[in-house]
Protein backbone atom coordinates (compact mmCIF):
# COMPACT_ATOMS: atom_id res chain seq x y z
CA MET A 1 -0.11 0.04 -0.01
CA THR A 2 1.00 3.51 -0.73
CA GLY A 3 0.01 6.91 0.07
CA VAL A 4 -1.91 7.90 3.16
CA ALA A 5 -3.39 4.46 3.68
CA GLY A 6 0.08 2.95 3.79
CA GLU A 7 1.37 5.49 6.43
CA ARG A 8 -1.71 4.73 8.61
CA ALA A 9 -1.15 1.11 8.42
CA TYR A 10 2.53 1.46 9.25
CA ALA A 11 1.67 3.65 12.25
CA ASP A 12 -0.88 0.98 13.44
CA LEU A 13 1.80 -1.76 13.25
CA ALA A 14 4.75 0.29 14.83
CA PHE A 15 5.30 -0.21 18.52
CA VAL A 16 5.53 3.55 19.45
CA GLN A 17 4.51 4.64 22.96
CA ARG A 18 2.28 7.74 22.32
CA ALA A 19 1.90 8.71 26.11
CA PRO A 20 4.78 9.14 28.80
CA ILE A 21 5.13 6.17 31.21
CA GLY A 22 4.52 7.10 34.77
CA ALA A 23 7.50 7.07 37.17
CA LEU A 24 8.06 3.62 38.78
CA PRO A 25 8.51 3.39 42.54
CA PRO A 26 12.08 2.66 43.66
CA PRO A 27 12.89 -0.86 44.65
CA LEU A 28 11.66 -2.18 48.01
CA ALA A 29 15.19 -2.44 49.17
CA MET A 30 15.70 1.36 48.70
CA ARG A 31 12.52 2.61 50.34
CA GLY A 32 10.70 2.40 53.64
CA PRO A 33 12.33 1.26 56.85
CA TRP A 34 14.70 -1.32 55.07
CA GLY A 35 15.93 1.44 52.64
CA TRP A 36 16.71 3.77 55.46
CA LEU A 37 18.57 0.99 57.38
CA ARG A 38 20.48 0.03 54.31
CA ALA A 39 21.49 3.53 53.49
CA ASN A 40 22.38 4.70 56.91
CA LEU A 41 23.52 1.69 58.97
CA PHE A 42 24.50 -1.02 56.51
CA SER A 43 25.88 0.78 53.43
CA SER A 44 29.36 -0.65 53.66
CA ALA A 45 31.35 -3.28 55.51
CA PHE A 46 32.75 -0.75 57.85
CA ASN A 47 29.23 0.68 58.66
CA ILE A 48 27.91 -2.78 59.35
CA VAL A 49 30.75 -3.62 61.83
CA LEU A 50 30.34 -0.28 63.55
CA THR A 51 26.55 -0.60 63.66
CA VAL A 52 26.76 -4.14 65.21
CA VAL A 53 29.33 -2.92 67.79
CA MET A 54 27.20 0.11 68.87
CA LEU A 55 24.05 -1.92 69.03
CA ALA A 56 25.84 -4.44 71.35
CA LEU A 57 27.09 -1.61 73.51
CA ILE A 58 23.70 0.02 73.71
CA VAL A 59 22.17 -3.20 74.63
CA TRP A 60 24.73 -3.89 77.30
CA ILE A 61 24.56 -0.37 78.84
CA GLY A 62 20.69 -0.33 78.48
CA LYS A 63 20.21 -3.70 80.28
CA SER A 64 22.46 -2.61 83.05
CA THR A 65 20.68 0.61 83.58
CA ILE A 66 17.24 -0.88 83.33
CA ASP A 67 18.24 -3.63 85.75
CA PHE A 68 19.52 -1.06 88.23
CA LEU A 69 16.83 1.42 88.00
CA PHE A 70 13.84 -0.87 87.81
CA ILE A 71 14.20 -4.63 87.83
CA ASP A 72 16.61 -4.95 90.76
CA ALA A 73 15.45 -1.58 92.33
CA VAL A 74 14.04 -1.28 96.02
CA TRP A 75 10.69 0.56 95.87
CA VAL A 76 9.66 0.52 99.58
CA GLY A 77 11.56 0.80 102.76
CA HIS A 78 12.03 2.93 105.78
CA ASP A 79 15.83 2.95 106.23
CA ARG A 80 19.13 1.53 104.88
CA THR A 81 18.24 -2.07 105.66
CA ALA A 82 15.75 -2.16 102.78
CA CYS A 83 18.60 -1.31 100.28
CA MET A 84 21.27 -3.70 101.68
CA ALA A 85 22.20 -6.85 99.79
CA SER A 86 21.48 -10.24 101.46
CA GLU A 87 21.65 -13.88 100.66
CA GLN A 88 18.10 -13.78 99.49
CA ARG A 89 18.72 -10.72 97.47
CA PRO A 90 22.47 -10.54 96.30
CA HIS A 91 21.78 -7.91 93.64
CA VAL A 92 20.14 -4.60 94.77
CA GLY A 93 19.52 -1.82 92.51
CA ALA A 94 18.37 1.76 93.04
CA CYS A 95 17.19 2.69 96.49
CA TRP A 96 14.08 4.66 95.66
CA PRO A 97 12.78 4.96 99.26
CA PHE A 98 15.79 7.12 99.87
CA VAL A 99 14.64 9.49 97.01
CA TRP A 100 10.90 9.57 98.12
CA GLU A 101 11.99 10.47 101.63
CA ARG A 102 14.49 13.14 100.47
CA LEU A 103 12.52 14.47 97.47
CA ASN A 104 11.36 17.57 99.34
CA TYR A 105 14.90 18.45 100.28
CA PHE A 106 15.97 17.95 96.59
CA THR A 107 13.39 20.34 95.58
CA TYR A 108 13.40 23.11 98.28
CA GLY A 109 16.55 22.69 100.11
CA SER A 110 16.21 23.96 103.63
CA TYR A 111 13.42 26.43 102.72
CA PRO A 112 11.04 26.63 105.76
CA ILE A 113 8.34 23.97 105.29
CA PRO A 114 5.31 26.29 106.09
CA GLN A 115 6.61 28.71 103.34
CA ARG A 116 7.23 26.09 100.56
CA TRP A 117 3.96 27.11 98.94
CA ARG A 118 5.61 30.30 97.74
CA VAL A 119 8.24 28.21 95.85
CA ASP A 120 5.39 26.26 94.29
CA VAL A 121 3.80 29.41 93.04
CA PHE A 122 7.10 30.58 91.63
CA PHE A 123 7.50 27.38 89.75
CA ALA A 124 3.82 27.73 88.33
CA MET A 125 4.48 31.44 87.39
CA LEU A 126 7.81 30.60 85.72
CA ALA A 127 6.24 27.71 83.75
CA ILE A 128 3.38 30.08 82.62
CA GLY A 129 5.89 32.67 81.48
CA VAL A 130 8.15 30.27 79.61
CA ALA A 131 5.07 28.68 77.94
CA TRP A 132 3.60 32.06 77.00
CA LEU A 133 6.93 33.19 75.54
CA LEU A 134 7.99 30.03 73.61
CA TRP A 135 4.45 29.24 72.23
CA LEU A 136 4.56 31.02 68.93
CA GLU A 137 0.79 30.90 68.41
CA ALA A 138 0.05 32.12 71.84
CA PRO A 139 -2.24 35.21 72.14
CA ARG A 140 -0.77 38.63 73.02
CA ARG A 141 2.86 37.50 73.12
CA ASP A 142 3.73 41.12 73.75
CA LEU A 143 1.99 40.98 77.09
CA GLY A 144 3.85 37.64 77.56
CA ALA A 145 7.07 39.35 77.14
CA LEU A 146 6.17 42.07 79.71
CA TYR A 147 5.00 39.41 82.14
CA PHE A 148 8.08 37.38 81.81
CA PHE A 149 10.74 40.16 81.93
CA VAL A 150 9.02 42.61 84.31
CA VAL A 151 6.11 41.09 86.32
CA LEU A 152 7.78 37.68 86.86
CA PRO A 153 10.98 38.88 88.30
CA VAL A 154 9.39 41.35 90.77
CA CYS A 155 6.88 38.85 91.91
CA SER A 156 9.56 36.15 92.25
CA PHE A 157 11.78 38.23 94.42
CA ILE A 158 8.88 39.13 96.73
CA LEU A 159 7.70 35.59 96.83
CA LEU A 160 11.07 33.82 97.55
CA SER A 161 12.71 36.51 99.58
CA GLY A 162 9.74 37.61 101.51
CA ALA A 163 7.94 40.98 102.29
CA PRO A 164 6.84 41.53 105.86
CA ALA A 165 4.64 44.37 104.77
CA LEU A 166 2.70 41.84 102.65
CA GLY A 167 2.65 39.24 105.30
CA LEU A 168 5.40 37.22 103.77
CA GLU A 169 8.07 36.05 106.13
CA THR A 170 11.65 36.98 105.15
CA VAL A 171 13.73 33.73 104.06
CA ASP A 172 17.41 34.12 103.82
CA THR A 173 18.93 32.85 100.67
CA SER A 174 21.21 30.51 102.73
CA LEU A 175 18.12 28.42 103.31
CA TRP A 176 17.43 28.07 99.61
CA GLY A 177 18.58 24.90 97.84
CA GLY A 178 17.99 22.00 95.50
CA VAL A 179 15.88 22.54 92.31
CA LEU A 180 14.89 25.98 93.43
CA VAL A 181 18.47 27.30 93.30
CA THR A 182 19.23 25.45 89.97
CA VAL A 183 16.24 26.92 88.28
CA VAL A 184 16.93 30.49 89.74
CA VAL A 185 20.51 30.52 88.74
CA SER A 186 20.03 28.95 85.39
CA THR A 187 17.12 31.23 84.48
CA VAL A 188 18.74 34.44 85.48
CA GLY A 189 21.99 33.40 83.69
CA ILE A 190 20.23 32.46 80.43
CA VAL A 191 17.77 35.51 80.39
CA VAL A 192 20.58 37.98 81.17
CA SER A 193 23.41 36.48 78.98
CA LEU A 194 21.71 36.79 75.58
CA PRO A 195 20.82 40.51 75.54
CA LEU A 196 24.15 41.39 77.35
CA GLY A 197 25.96 39.13 74.91
CA ILE A 198 24.28 40.92 71.92
CA VAL A 199 25.37 44.28 73.28
CA LEU A 200 28.97 43.10 73.91
CA ALA A 201 29.09 41.54 70.38
CA LEU A 202 27.87 44.82 68.83
CA GLY A 203 30.43 46.70 71.07
CA ARG A 204 33.28 44.49 69.85
CA ARG A 205 32.32 45.40 66.16
CA SER A 206 31.78 49.14 66.98
CA ARG A 207 33.63 51.85 65.25
CA MET A 208 34.14 53.73 68.52
CA PRO A 209 37.40 52.86 69.94
CA ALA A 210 36.49 53.18 73.65
CA VAL A 211 33.46 50.89 73.29
CA ARG A 212 35.35 48.36 71.15
CA LEU A 213 38.26 48.34 73.62
CA PHE A 214 36.07 47.79 76.63
CA SER A 215 34.19 45.01 74.89
CA VAL A 216 37.32 43.25 73.81
CA ILE A 217 38.84 43.45 77.29
CA PHE A 218 35.82 42.20 79.07
CA ILE A 219 35.20 39.23 76.75
CA GLU A 220 38.75 38.08 76.56
CA PHE A 221 39.28 38.59 80.16
CA VAL A 222 36.24 36.74 81.22
CA ARG A 223 36.67 33.82 78.71
CA GLY A 224 40.30 33.47 79.87
CA VAL A 225 39.42 32.38 83.39
CA PRO A 226 37.33 29.36 84.58
CA LEU A 227 33.93 29.90 85.98
CA ILE A 228 34.96 28.58 89.37
CA THR A 229 37.46 31.52 89.49
CA VAL A 230 34.75 33.95 88.59
CA LEU A 231 32.52 32.48 91.45
CA PHE A 232 35.33 32.51 93.89
CA MET A 233 36.12 36.23 93.09
CA ALA A 234 32.56 37.24 93.30
CA SER A 235 31.72 35.26 96.56
CA VAL A 236 34.96 35.39 98.53
CA MET A 237 37.13 38.29 97.19
CA LEU A 238 34.38 40.87 96.66
CA PRO A 239 33.39 41.31 100.28
CA LEU A 240 37.07 42.15 101.12
CA PHE A 241 36.93 45.28 99.01
CA VAL A 242 33.54 46.71 100.06
CA PRO A 243 32.20 47.72 103.35
CA GLU A 244 30.27 44.84 105.18
CA ASP A 245 26.86 46.62 105.06
CA LEU A 246 27.23 47.02 101.37
CA THR A 247 28.18 43.41 100.54
CA PRO A 248 25.70 41.68 98.20
CA ASP A 249 23.92 38.52 99.20
CA LYS A 250 25.96 35.36 98.50
CA LEU A 251 23.40 34.11 95.95
CA LEU A 252 23.18 37.47 94.34
CA ARG A 253 26.91 37.62 93.83
CA ALA A 254 26.79 34.15 92.24
CA LEU A 255 24.10 35.19 89.99
CA ILE A 256 26.03 38.31 88.81
CA GLY A 257 29.13 36.27 88.24
CA ILE A 258 27.53 33.54 86.25
CA ALA A 259 25.48 36.07 84.22
CA LEU A 260 28.64 38.00 83.31
CA PHE A 261 30.51 34.85 82.46
CA ALA A 262 27.81 33.46 80.29
CA SER A 263 27.48 36.82 78.55
CA ALA A 264 31.17 36.82 77.34
CA TYR A 265 30.66 33.41 75.70
CA MET A 266 27.32 34.40 74.15
CA ALA A 267 28.97 37.61 72.91
CA GLU A 268 31.28 35.45 70.66
CA VAL A 269 28.51 33.25 69.54
CA VAL A 270 26.47 36.32 68.36
CA ARG A 271 29.50 37.87 66.75
CA ALA A 272 29.99 34.70 64.70
CA GLY A 273 26.30 35.05 63.49
CA LEU A 274 27.03 38.86 62.66
CA GLN A 275 30.07 37.93 60.59
CA ALA A 276 28.15 35.14 58.64
CA ILE A 277 25.75 37.84 57.25
CA PRO A 278 26.71 38.96 53.68
CA ARG A 279 27.94 42.55 53.33
CA GLY A 280 25.11 43.27 50.94
CA GLN A 281 22.63 43.00 53.80
CA TYR A 282 24.23 45.76 55.64
CA GLU A 283 24.37 47.84 52.38
CA ALA A 284 20.75 47.20 51.65
CA ALA A 285 19.64 48.29 55.11
CA THR A 286 21.80 51.46 54.79
CA ALA A 287 20.24 52.04 51.37
CA LEU A 288 16.79 51.98 53.01
CA GLY A 289 17.81 54.83 55.18
CA LEU A 290 17.90 52.93 58.43
CA LYS A 291 19.97 54.17 61.28
CA PHE A 292 22.23 51.83 63.25
CA TRP A 293 19.84 50.47 65.79
CA PRO A 294 16.82 49.97 63.41
CA GLN A 295 19.21 48.40 61.02
CA MET A 296 20.48 45.99 63.58
CA GLY A 297 17.07 45.22 65.05
CA LEU A 298 15.15 44.86 61.87
CA VAL A 299 17.66 43.45 59.25
CA ILE A 300 20.93 42.20 60.74
CA LEU A 301 20.27 40.62 64.08
CA PRO A 302 17.28 38.50 63.16
CA GLN A 303 19.32 36.83 60.43
CA ALA A 304 22.45 36.50 62.64
CA LEU A 305 20.49 34.90 65.41
CA ARG A 306 18.82 32.51 63.07
CA VAL A 307 22.21 31.48 61.73
CA THR A 308 23.64 30.73 65.08
CA ILE A 309 20.69 29.11 66.93
CA PRO A 310 22.67 25.89 67.29
CA ASN A 311 25.54 27.70 68.99
CA ILE A 312 23.20 29.69 71.23
CA VAL A 313 21.44 26.55 72.42
CA ASN A 314 24.78 24.78 72.93
CA THR A 315 26.04 27.70 75.21
CA THR A 316 22.64 27.76 77.01
CA ILE A 317 22.69 24.07 77.78
CA GLY A 318 26.26 24.33 78.97
CA LEU A 319 25.33 27.22 81.30
CA PHE A 320 22.37 25.21 82.63
CA LYS A 321 24.77 22.29 83.58
CA ASP A 322 27.52 24.65 84.94
CA THR A 323 25.17 25.95 87.60
CA THR A 324 26.22 22.85 89.63
CA LEU A 325 29.54 24.77 90.14
CA VAL A 326 27.77 27.17 92.62
CA PHE A 327 28.28 24.55 95.42
CA ILE A 328 31.95 25.63 95.34
CA VAL A 329 30.92 28.79 97.12
CA GLY A 330 28.56 27.25 99.63
CA ILE A 331 25.23 27.43 97.73
CA PHE A 332 23.23 24.20 97.79
CA ASP A 333 21.93 23.47 94.27
CA LEU A 334 20.34 20.17 93.24
CA LEU A 335 23.57 18.25 93.13
CA ARG A 336 24.88 19.59 96.47
CA THR A 337 21.62 18.60 98.20
CA ILE A 338 22.12 15.12 96.86
CA GLU A 339 25.70 15.12 97.99
CA VAL A 340 24.58 16.05 101.52
CA ALA A 341 21.59 13.70 101.67
CA ARG A 342 23.59 10.49 100.48
CA ILE A 343 25.83 10.66 103.59
CA ASP A 344 22.93 10.40 105.95
CA PRO A 345 23.70 7.41 108.13
CA LYS A 346 20.08 6.36 107.89
CA TRP A 347 20.42 5.70 104.09
CA ALA A 348 24.14 4.82 103.81
CA THR A 349 24.45 2.03 101.38
CA PRO A 350 26.55 1.23 98.34
CA VAL A 351 23.60 2.06 96.11
CA THR A 352 22.60 5.28 97.63
CA SER A 353 25.15 7.53 95.77
CA PRO A 354 24.30 5.98 92.35
CA THR A 355 20.57 6.52 92.96
CA GLY A 356 20.99 10.10 93.83
CA TYR A 357 23.33 10.69 90.85
CA ALA A 358 20.78 8.99 88.60
CA VAL A 359 18.04 11.40 89.77
CA ALA A 360 20.34 14.39 89.08
CA ALA A 361 21.18 12.87 85.53
CA LEU A 362 17.57 12.48 84.68
CA PHE A 363 16.67 16.01 85.83
CA TYR A 364 19.47 17.62 83.73
CA TRP A 365 18.76 15.36 80.77
CA VAL A 366 15.02 16.18 80.59
CA PHE A 367 15.69 19.97 80.66
CA CYS A 368 18.54 19.93 78.25
CA TYR A 369 16.80 17.63 75.85
CA ALA A 370 13.69 19.87 75.94
CA MET A 371 15.77 22.96 75.09
CA ALA A 372 17.58 21.13 72.22
CA ARG A 373 14.35 19.93 70.71
CA TYR A 374 12.57 23.34 70.98
CA ALA A 375 15.68 24.88 69.32
CA ARG A 376 15.50 22.30 66.50
CA HIS A 377 11.91 23.11 66.03
CA MET A 378 12.57 26.93 65.86
CA GLU A 379 15.44 26.38 63.44
CA LEU A 380 13.36 24.22 61.08
CA ARG A 381 10.58 26.78 61.27
CA LEU A 382 12.83 29.81 60.57
CA SER A 383 14.67 28.08 57.74
CA ALA A 384 11.47 26.95 55.91
CA GLY A 385 11.32 30.05 53.80
CA GLN A 386 15.05 29.80 52.88
CA GLU A 387 14.45 26.21 51.77
CA ARG A 388 11.53 27.09 49.61
CA ARG A 389 13.61 29.71 47.82
């Protein structure tokens, strides 16, 4: 056949795909849980060996931990005899009756028992403030900031220290201890260090020689000495140079020392974020006619803080754990109260100390993990627009 009819017959006989074939799914070995395991844990001989070794290590440590904390643990008892090994029970785990009896001491220290409701109110107010400030969809977050930075500090000081005019008995800070001191010291240090660190970072990059010199000297001096030295100078040496009636409270001196120490480290973190911003951003802000502070507050600092969120969180978590060093100057934080409680003859057993340290480890892990997860959430939220572009 020739002509049009022949072309039609040829087209009908030809095996030509007239529509595109849809994309086929990847093989089963490359998708789903098995695909993830193959790509991340069993991609090579070295990864296979490393995965097996790490799994064995995790199983060994996990089994020992579970045995100590739960399976072999003692849950009821009135004194050390309940947590002592015997022929009937050769392996004794955590001594939880010791924790139940000393839990109030771990939380409040030596704070007067009739006044401990004030500490509970402080914890509740702090939780409300943190939730209001960190919940991004919360209503009136401007009022939340006012509550957290103005109302909460004033009310907390009145509640915890006392105000005889309001019927609140004065409680000396030497009686504070446990979780109360840890939360107060870490909260003050974290809240103060970030804004002060931002100011110091801007001061170090300032064009004014006096401001830049002061910032550099302060940052380098504070970062060049251990935190223990700062606490020792603030708590022991400072009273030698001021009149006795003007000497600040011991806890207040520690709070100031920790806040200044953390600010120096935070300043370098913020400075790293400022240096990561392209020069064009500064020029664009200047071209818009913005002065220095609007330029920093509206254009530069938001980008710099977003870039350095992981470093800010790392510094914050380190500060939270470093609060345990206040026991060097005689302040009873959580770890110090555990140290004191574990030497009580009533509960002196080989497992008392590990039980107390396990409680402290769990406390710090929960708070540090929560901070890390929230920071990760914020990082993903702030970088969503960058990824779309």
